[in-house]
Protein backbone atom coordinates (compact mmCIF):
# COMPACT_ATOMS: atom_id res chain seq x y z
CA MET A 1 -26.30 11.90 28.29
CA HIS A 2 -24.00 12.47 31.38
CA ILE A 3 -23.09 15.58 32.66
CA ASP A 4 -19.32 14.68 33.25
CA ALA A 5 -18.50 13.45 29.31
CA PRO A 6 -15.18 15.60 29.27
CA LEU A 7 -14.08 13.18 31.89
CA LYS A 8 -14.58 10.27 29.97
CA LYS A 9 -13.61 11.61 26.57
CA LYS A 10 -10.13 9.95 26.89
CA PRO A 11 -11.55 6.50 27.53
CA ARG A 12 -14.58 7.23 24.49
CA VAL A 13 -11.48 7.56 21.80
CA LEU A 14 -9.52 3.98 22.60
CA ASP A 15 -12.75 2.61 23.16
CA SER A 16 -13.79 3.65 19.49
CA PHE A 17 -10.42 1.37 18.56
CA LEU A 18 -11.10 -1.11 20.82
CA LEU A 19 -14.88 -1.62 18.89
CA PRO A 20 -13.65 -4.07 16.07
CA PHE A 21 -12.43 -6.61 18.52
CA ILE A 22 -15.16 -6.53 20.30
CA GLN A 23 -17.92 -6.71 17.79
CA SER A 24 -16.12 -8.44 15.20
CA ARG A 25 -14.98 -12.43 15.24
CA SER A 26 -13.77 -12.25 12.09
CA PHE A 27 -11.23 -8.55 12.40
CA PRO A 28 -9.02 -10.23 15.15
CA TYR A 29 -7.32 -12.45 12.79
CA LEU A 30 -7.51 -10.78 9.02
CA TRP A 31 -5.88 -7.75 11.44
CA LEU A 32 -3.03 -9.96 12.86
CA SER A 33 -2.61 -12.20 9.45
CA GLN A 34 -2.02 -8.66 7.63
CA LEU A 35 -0.05 -7.31 10.52
CA ILE A 36 2.35 -9.79 10.44
CA SER A 37 3.27 -10.23 7.06
CA MET A 38 3.57 -6.36 7.45
CA LEU A 39 6.51 -6.83 9.35
CA GLY A 40 8.39 -8.87 6.82
CA GLY A 41 7.49 -6.45 4.08
CA SER A 42 8.57 -3.54 5.68
CA VAL A 43 12.35 -5.06 6.28
CA THR A 44 11.97 -6.04 2.46
CA THR A 45 10.89 -2.08 1.54
CA VAL A 46 14.60 -1.05 3.11
CA ILE A 47 16.80 -4.42 1.83
CA LEU A 48 15.32 -5.06 -1.78
CA PRO A 49 16.97 -1.32 -3.21
CA MET A 50 20.39 -1.66 -0.96
CA VAL A 51 20.81 -5.38 -3.08
CA VAL A 52 20.05 -4.16 -6.16
CA TYR A 53 22.25 -0.88 -5.88
CA SER A 54 25.25 -3.42 -4.52
CA LEU A 55 24.59 -5.71 -7.23
CA THR A 56 24.73 -2.56 -9.82
CA GLY A 57 24.93 0.21 -8.61
CA SER A 58 22.19 2.28 -11.16
CA THR A 59 19.11 3.97 -10.77
CA THR A 60 17.65 2.50 -14.09
CA MET A 61 18.42 -1.04 -12.95
CA MET A 62 16.26 -0.46 -9.81
CA GLY A 63 13.68 1.41 -12.06
CA LEU A 64 14.04 -2.13 -14.12
CA VAL A 65 13.50 -4.25 -11.11
CA MET A 66 10.25 -2.41 -9.72
CA SER A 67 9.04 -2.65 -13.12
CA ALA A 68 9.36 -6.25 -13.63
CA TYR A 69 7.46 -6.38 -10.09
CA MET A 70 4.44 -4.14 -10.90
CA LEU A 71 3.89 -5.24 -14.76
CA PRO A 72 2.84 -8.54 -13.90
CA TYR A 73 0.49 -7.26 -10.81
CA VAL A 74 -0.94 -4.64 -13.38
CA LEU A 75 -1.72 -7.85 -15.95
CA MET A 76 -3.43 -9.52 -13.04
CA LEU A 77 -5.47 -6.89 -11.81
CA PRO A 78 -8.39 -7.16 -14.52
CA LEU A 79 -8.35 -11.05 -14.07
CA SER A 80 -8.24 -10.62 -9.95
CA GLY A 81 -10.89 -8.87 -9.49
CA TRP A 82 -13.73 -11.43 -11.81
CA ILE A 83 -11.75 -13.86 -9.31
CA VAL A 84 -12.20 -12.34 -6.24
CA ASP A 85 -15.64 -11.90 -6.69
CA ARG A 86 -16.30 -15.37 -8.11
CA TYR A 87 -13.92 -17.25 -5.64
CA ASP A 88 -13.71 -17.82 -1.79
CA ARG A 89 -11.71 -15.02 -1.19
CA VAL A 90 -9.75 -15.61 2.21
CA ARG A 91 -8.42 -18.96 -0.12
CA ILE A 92 -7.39 -16.64 -2.84
CA MET A 93 -5.46 -14.54 -0.01
CA MET A 94 -3.93 -17.71 1.44
CA LEU A 95 -2.71 -18.85 -1.94
CA SER A 96 -1.41 -15.31 -2.60
CA ASP A 97 0.94 -16.21 0.99
CA ILE A 98 2.29 -19.79 0.29
CA VAL A 99 3.75 -18.36 -2.94
CA ARG A 100 5.10 -15.32 -1.39
CA PHE A 101 6.53 -17.08 1.20
CA ILE A 102 8.09 -20.24 -1.22
CA VAL A 103 9.34 -16.61 -3.55
CA MET A 104 11.36 -14.19 -0.83
CA LEU A 105 12.76 -17.61 0.56
CA ALA A 106 14.36 -18.38 -2.78
CA ILE A 107 15.51 -14.99 -2.70
CA ALA A 108 17.16 -15.67 0.78
CA VAL A 109 18.74 -19.13 -0.34
CA LEU A 110 20.11 -17.25 -3.31
CA ILE A 111 21.86 -14.52 -1.31
CA PHE A 112 23.33 -16.44 1.19
CA SER A 113 24.67 -18.71 -1.69
CA ASP A 114 25.92 -16.14 -2.56
CA VAL A 115 24.67 -17.12 -6.53
CA LEU A 116 21.42 -14.13 -6.34
CA SER A 117 21.85 -12.85 -10.39
CA VAL A 118 19.69 -9.81 -11.92
CA PRO A 119 17.85 -12.01 -14.04
CA MET A 120 17.33 -14.51 -11.35
CA LEU A 121 15.85 -11.82 -9.43
CA PHE A 122 13.58 -10.14 -12.39
CA GLY A 123 12.02 -13.20 -12.27
CA LEU A 124 11.30 -13.96 -8.59
CA VAL A 125 10.22 -10.37 -7.93
CA SER A 126 7.34 -10.70 -11.26
CA LEU A 127 5.92 -13.97 -9.69
CA TYR A 128 5.36 -11.83 -6.54
CA GLY A 129 3.97 -9.23 -8.21
CA LEU A 130 1.71 -11.41 -10.03
CA MET A 131 0.96 -12.61 -6.35
CA GLU A 132 0.31 -9.70 -5.22
CA GLY A 133 -1.88 -8.66 -8.08
CA LEU A 134 -4.13 -11.63 -7.30
CA PHE A 135 -3.91 -11.13 -3.40
CA GLN A 136 -4.80 -7.20 -2.94
CA PRO A 137 -8.49 -7.13 -4.40
CA ALA A 138 -8.89 -10.07 -2.36
CA TYR A 139 -7.72 -8.84 1.14
CA SER A 140 -9.83 -5.20 0.01
CA ALA A 141 -12.94 -7.15 -0.81
CA VAL A 142 -12.53 -8.56 2.76
CA ARG A 143 -11.79 -6.30 4.23
CA ALA A 144 -15.10 -4.38 2.82
CA THR A 145 -17.37 -7.25 4.25
CA VAL A 146 -15.57 -7.40 7.94
CA PHE A 147 -15.79 -3.58 8.04
CA THR A 148 -19.03 -3.53 8.96
CA PRO A 149 -20.44 0.66 8.77
CA ASP A 150 -20.42 0.75 12.53
CA ILE A 151 -16.99 -0.29 13.18
CA ARG A 152 -15.15 1.70 10.16
CA ASN A 153 -13.58 4.39 10.86
CA ALA A 154 -12.15 2.79 13.79
CA ALA A 155 -11.47 -0.76 11.79
CA ASN A 156 -9.61 1.50 8.93
CA ALA A 157 -7.48 3.56 11.16
CA LEU A 158 -6.54 0.82 13.96
CA THR A 159 -5.52 -1.07 10.64
CA GLN A 160 -3.53 1.49 9.39
CA VAL A 161 -1.92 2.76 12.74
CA SER A 162 -0.69 -1.25 13.56
CA ASN A 163 0.86 -1.60 10.06
CA GLN A 164 2.50 1.48 10.39
CA GLY A 165 3.85 0.84 13.97
CA VAL A 166 5.08 -2.51 12.38
CA ARG A 167 7.08 -0.28 9.90
CA LEU A 168 8.49 1.73 12.52
CA ILE A 169 10.09 -0.97 13.41
CA GLY A 170 10.84 -3.24 9.99
CA PRO A 171 12.75 -0.78 8.24
CA VAL A 172 15.24 0.15 11.24
CA LEU A 173 15.63 -3.99 11.34
CA GLY A 174 16.16 -4.05 7.77
CA GLY A 175 19.21 -1.60 8.20
CA LEU A 176 20.44 -3.29 10.83
CA ILE A 177 20.42 -6.46 8.85
CA VAL A 178 21.76 -5.31 6.05
CA SER A 179 24.56 -3.37 8.25
CA SER A 180 25.47 -6.00 10.56
CA MET A 181 24.84 -9.75 9.17
CA SER A 182 23.44 -9.98 5.41
CA ALA A 183 20.44 -9.17 3.25
CA SER A 184 19.61 -12.95 3.11
CA TYR A 185 18.44 -13.01 6.53
CA GLY A 186 15.54 -10.55 6.27
CA PHE A 187 14.09 -11.89 2.81
CA GLY A 188 14.10 -14.85 5.26
CA LEU A 189 12.38 -12.69 8.14
CA ASP A 190 10.13 -12.05 5.31
CA ALA A 191 9.66 -15.57 4.32
CA LEU A 192 8.54 -16.46 7.58
CA THR A 193 5.85 -13.72 7.91
CA TYR A 194 3.89 -14.71 5.36
CA LEU A 195 3.90 -18.72 6.35
CA ILE A 196 2.59 -16.59 9.99
CA SER A 197 0.09 -15.10 7.72
CA TYR A 198 -1.23 -18.22 6.02
CA LEU A 199 -1.57 -19.69 9.85
CA CYS A 200 -3.83 -17.08 10.94
CA LEU A 201 -6.52 -17.39 7.82
CA LEU A 202 -6.46 -21.08 7.70
CA VAL A 203 -7.75 -20.35 11.53
CA LEU A 204 -10.01 -18.11 10.15
CA VAL A 205 -11.29 -20.82 7.48
CA LYS A 206 -11.48 -23.27 9.98
CA LYS A 207 -13.66 -21.47 12.11
CA SER A 208 -16.12 -20.57 9.37
CA LEU A 209 -15.65 -16.95 10.42
CA ILE A 210 -16.47 -15.34 7.66
CA SER A 211 -17.49 -18.00 5.25
CA HIS A 212 -21.09 -15.76 4.33
CA GLN A 213 -18.69 -12.87 3.13
CA ASN A 214 -16.58 -14.80 0.99
CA LYS A 215 -19.17 -16.17 -1.71
CA PRO A 216 -20.61 -13.42 -3.23
CA GLU A 217 -24.62 -13.76 -3.15
CA THR A 218 -25.39 -14.15 -7.28
CA SER A 219 -28.52 -15.45 -8.49
CA THR A 220 -27.82 -15.57 -11.65
CA SER A 221 -25.75 -18.64 -13.38
CA ASN A 222 -22.26 -17.90 -14.24
CA SER A 223 -23.00 -19.02 -18.25
CA THR A 224 -25.13 -15.81 -18.74
CA PHE A 225 -22.59 -13.31 -17.21
CA THR A 226 -19.44 -13.65 -19.29
CA TRP A 227 -16.10 -11.89 -17.85
CA LYS A 228 -16.36 -8.93 -19.89
CA ARG A 229 -19.69 -8.17 -18.75
CA GLU A 230 -19.21 -8.69 -15.36
CA PHE A 231 -16.09 -6.16 -16.11
CA LEU A 232 -17.77 -3.36 -17.77
CA GLU A 233 -20.16 -3.39 -14.55
CA GLY A 234 -17.10 -2.79 -12.71
CA ILE A 235 -16.68 0.22 -14.48
CA THR A 236 -20.71 1.68 -14.69
CA ILE A 237 -20.16 1.64 -10.89
CA LEU A 238 -17.38 4.23 -10.80
CA LYS A 239 -19.01 6.03 -13.48
CA GLY A 240 -21.85 6.36 -11.20
CA HIS A 241 -19.61 8.48 -8.77
CA PRO A 242 -16.85 10.98 -9.71
CA TRP A 243 -15.54 11.17 -6.83
CA LEU A 244 -14.44 7.82 -7.43
CA TRP A 245 -13.41 7.76 -11.17
CA ILE A 246 -11.87 11.01 -11.36
CA THR A 247 -9.52 10.31 -8.50
CA ILE A 248 -8.13 7.24 -9.94
CA LEU A 249 -7.62 8.52 -12.90
CA ALA A 250 -5.88 11.49 -11.72
CA PHE A 251 -3.86 8.88 -9.46
CA CYS A 252 -3.01 7.45 -12.43
CA PHE A 253 -0.37 10.16 -12.93
CA ILE A 254 -0.03 11.08 -9.45
CA ASN A 255 1.54 7.83 -8.45
CA ILE A 256 3.91 8.31 -11.73
CA CYS A 257 5.68 11.06 -10.69
CA TYR A 258 5.20 10.26 -6.15
CA THR A 259 6.11 6.57 -6.46
CA GLY A 260 8.58 6.94 -8.87
CA ILE A 261 10.23 9.63 -6.42
CA ILE A 262 9.71 7.65 -3.48
CA VAL A 263 10.30 4.21 -4.18
CA ILE A 264 13.50 4.94 -6.69
CA LEU A 265 15.25 8.20 -5.94
CA ILE A 266 14.71 8.29 -2.17
CA PRO A 267 16.71 5.22 -1.77
CA TRP A 268 19.25 6.94 -4.24
CA LEU A 269 19.24 10.14 -2.53
CA PHE A 270 19.78 8.70 0.87
CA LYS A 271 22.87 5.90 -0.16
CA VAL A 272 23.85 7.25 -3.02
CA HIS A 273 23.62 10.85 -3.26
CA LEU A 274 24.60 11.77 0.80
CA GLY A 275 26.12 8.18 0.73
CA LEU A 276 24.36 7.42 4.42
CA ASP A 277 23.79 4.39 6.00
CA PRO A 278 21.14 2.14 5.52
CA LEU A 279 20.57 2.78 8.47
CA ALA A 280 19.64 6.19 8.12
CA TYR A 281 17.63 5.19 5.16
CA GLY A 282 15.47 2.86 7.40
CA ILE A 283 15.39 5.49 9.84
CA GLY A 284 13.51 7.73 7.42
CA ILE A 285 11.22 5.07 6.46
CA THR A 286 10.26 4.82 9.97
CA CYS A 287 9.67 8.62 10.37
CA SER A 288 7.70 8.30 7.48
CA GLY A 289 5.54 5.58 9.37
CA VAL A 290 5.05 7.94 12.37
CA GLY A 291 3.24 10.14 10.72
CA ALA A 292 1.48 7.94 9.16
CA ILE A 293 0.05 7.08 12.41
CA ALA A 294 -0.35 10.58 13.29
CA ALA A 295 -2.75 10.52 10.36
CA ALA A 296 -4.53 7.31 11.46
CA LEU A 297 -5.10 8.33 14.87
CA LEU A 298 -6.19 11.24 14.02
CA PHE A 299 -8.82 9.88 11.07
CA GLY A 300 -9.71 7.15 13.36
CA SER A 301 -10.76 10.00 16.37
CA LYS A 302 -14.09 10.88 14.37
CA ARG A 303 -16.61 8.54 12.93
CA GLN A 304 -17.91 11.10 10.57
CA TRP A 305 -15.47 13.64 8.83
CA HIS A 306 -16.29 16.17 6.12
CA HIS A 307 -14.98 18.04 2.98
CA ARG A 308 -13.21 14.88 2.78
CA GLY A 309 -12.53 15.42 -0.93
CA ILE A 310 -10.14 19.00 0.18
CA ILE A 311 -9.09 17.07 3.48
CA ALA A 312 -7.39 14.44 1.05
CA TYR A 313 -6.04 16.26 -1.89
CA GLY A 314 -4.94 18.53 0.71
CA ALA A 315 -3.22 16.64 2.03
CA VAL A 316 -1.51 15.17 -0.69
CA ILE A 317 -0.18 18.57 -1.39
CA LEU A 318 1.59 18.53 1.90
CA SER A 319 3.14 15.25 0.62
CA GLY A 320 4.19 16.73 -2.58
CA VAL A 321 5.89 19.74 -0.78
CA ALA A 322 7.60 17.76 1.41
CA LEU A 323 8.94 15.65 -1.65
CA LEU A 324 10.35 18.83 -3.29
CA THR A 325 11.64 19.90 -0.45
CA MET A 326 14.01 17.05 0.07
CA THR A 327 15.99 18.28 -3.13
CA PHE A 328 17.35 21.13 -0.88
CA ILE A 329 18.15 19.24 2.43
CA THR A 330 21.41 17.28 3.53
CA SER A 331 20.98 16.46 6.96
CA PRO A 332 19.13 13.24 7.56
CA ILE A 333 17.44 14.39 10.71
CA ALA A 334 15.55 17.18 8.42
CA LEU A 335 15.07 14.06 5.89
CA SER A 336 13.43 12.23 8.24
CA LEU A 337 10.99 15.14 9.72
CA LEU A 338 9.83 15.53 5.66
CA MET A 339 9.54 12.29 5.17
CA ALA A 340 7.32 11.96 8.00
CA VAL A 341 4.80 14.65 6.65
CA GLU A 342 4.70 12.78 3.16
CA GLY A 343 4.19 9.94 5.09
CA PHE A 344 0.90 11.92 6.89
CA GLY A 345 -0.34 13.18 3.97
CA LEU A 346 -0.66 10.27 2.04
CA MET A 347 -2.12 7.91 4.44
CA ILE A 348 -4.66 11.11 4.89
CA PHE A 349 -5.60 10.05 1.62
CA GLY A 350 -5.32 6.23 1.91
CA LEU A 351 -8.13 6.26 4.87
CA ILE A 352 -10.22 8.24 3.40
CA TRP A 353 -9.89 6.76 -0.15
CA GLU A 354 -10.09 3.52 1.64
CA THR A 355 -13.70 4.39 3.58
CA SER A 356 -15.66 6.44 0.48
CA LEU A 357 -15.33 3.03 -1.64
CA GLN A 358 -16.30 0.92 1.22
CA GLU A 359 -18.96 3.22 1.33
CA LEU A 360 -19.86 3.73 -2.04
CA VAL A 361 -19.26 -0.12 -3.75
CA PRO A 362 -21.84 -2.78 -3.37
CA PRO A 363 -19.92 -5.55 -1.79
CA GLU A 364 -20.82 -8.34 -4.45
CA ALA A 365 -18.90 -5.76 -6.86
CA PHE A 366 -15.56 -5.29 -4.76
CA GLY A 367 -13.67 -7.09 -6.24
CA ARG A 368 -14.67 -5.90 -9.75
CA VAL A 369 -14.05 -2.30 -8.78
CA VAL A 370 -11.12 -2.22 -6.21
CA SER A 371 -9.35 -4.02 -8.88
CA LEU A 372 -10.03 -1.25 -11.36
CA ASP A 373 -8.83 1.32 -8.54
CA LEU A 374 -5.35 -0.55 -8.66
CA LEU A 375 -5.70 -0.93 -12.32
CA GLY A 376 -5.81 2.95 -13.13
CA SER A 377 -3.45 3.73 -10.17
CA PHE A 378 -1.14 1.03 -10.95
CA ALA A 379 -0.75 0.88 -14.69
CA LEU A 380 1.79 3.11 -15.51
CA LEU A 381 4.03 2.57 -12.43
CA PRO A 382 6.27 0.01 -15.06
CA LEU A 383 6.79 2.55 -16.78
CA SER A 384 6.92 4.93 -14.52
CA TYR A 385 9.82 2.96 -12.47
CA PHE A 386 11.32 2.79 -15.80
CA LEU A 387 11.62 6.54 -17.00
CA VAL A 388 12.21 8.15 -13.71
CA GLY A 389 15.14 5.60 -13.53
CA TRP A 390 16.19 5.92 -16.54
CA ILE A 391 15.64 9.83 -16.67
CA ALA A 392 18.00 10.49 -13.54
CA ASP A 393 21.01 8.52 -14.86
CA GLN A 394 20.60 11.12 -17.55
CA ILE A 395 20.31 14.71 -15.94
CA GLY A 396 20.54 13.26 -12.56
CA GLY A 397 18.32 12.60 -9.27
CA VAL A 398 18.06 15.50 -7.25
CA ILE A 399 16.91 17.11 -10.78
CA THR A 400 14.24 14.82 -11.45
CA ILE A 401 12.91 14.37 -7.87
CA THR A 402 11.98 18.32 -8.46
CA ILE A 403 10.76 17.99 -11.53
CA PHE A 404 8.37 14.61 -11.35
CA ALA A 405 7.34 16.45 -7.62
CA SER A 406 6.82 19.26 -9.73
CA ILE A 407 4.85 18.13 -11.95
CA GLY A 408 2.59 15.81 -9.09
CA LEU A 409 1.64 19.08 -7.12
CA ALA A 410 0.50 20.86 -10.76
CA ILE A 411 -1.85 17.41 -11.17
CA VAL A 412 -3.51 17.54 -7.95
CA ALA A 413 -3.92 21.46 -8.23
CA SER A 414 -6.11 21.11 -11.49
CA VAL A 415 -7.95 18.33 -10.12
CA LEU A 416 -9.22 20.41 -6.71
CA CYS A 417 -10.47 22.80 -9.48
CA VAL A 418 -12.79 20.03 -10.05
CA PRO A 419 -16.29 20.95 -8.29
CA ALA A 420 -17.27 17.17 -8.05
CA ILE A 421 -13.89 16.99 -5.90
CA ARG A 422 -14.23 20.12 -3.64
CA ARG A 423 -17.69 19.22 -2.87
CA PHE A 424 -16.89 15.38 -1.43
CA GLN A 425 -18.13 15.04 1.23
């Protein structure tokens, strides 16, 4: 080793983030595909609540719209895991991109024509959720094979940094679009990004960069393995790792509390309760992205982290405290800072979770396991979205945020009492 190592410290950190581009021919195309589609998605994140609240003004209706998105997503997951482990994962992603392009374009045209109704929105959002339920396990499985151990931390962190970087632009852009033009332009932009994402994946297929990774190796014929047996194989893998199954079970309930607040009540807090401009909400989402980027840069700067169980759940506590504190704040600046803290905590947890999945789960079963992960985490979200919205209409949004944030923090604290979680390295 060179004695002047301190002088090279900065370039080495930078080199660790460039490593995925240097060592993997597949990574740049996969990274670019998701990055572009994330831009449109981050714009829609801001615009969709504004559209729903403009049409109805009801948190209950916002909850129902999100339930219409999540229910097909959840129902698709048990089947999509099996599909992803049987068929070409990149082509599954391409199919999902095309359908989502059509959905977003349809919403844009309906808003532009001033004929969008709540039932139409329900139907289109449901189809979008179905495709998300197919896409996410496929994308996670492709990442697990492309992100090899030598680039894993850097690739995961770089992916999240770039995605969050786009989210810095998207929410503000979405707020500007709603404030100065029409929501139809935002949905049109989202549609365009899915089309570009499809073209990036098409290049990936044409160049056959990951053809050997898309088809899991199974020596046994399809006829001897039923869908049920393969589904149970995923459960068996999870049962062998307490960190995995306990966390999935815990987040089945933590997500009810945190996600219900973030998706349903934070937009309400900005737009309805405080009467702020949509741009203020966009800036708040952007600050959440800034916090997430800081977390990803911190995580990606090291190849190995110890005490990951304590760090991961400690970060979730940090996010919960930020959400709880928002109920006492009226300043847009302070709210944005709290959203940065919320984004930081959830990103730290997400990166530790993603890395541990890639380390512990065999590639040939990754689709099934990640679909079980998503199923466990999101199974109750359709109920959560409706419940949070309905309760907020009955007792008030501020009280609802306080209740759900407190319950979430109590669940996290109870999970930290489990030795297998605290000792996870």
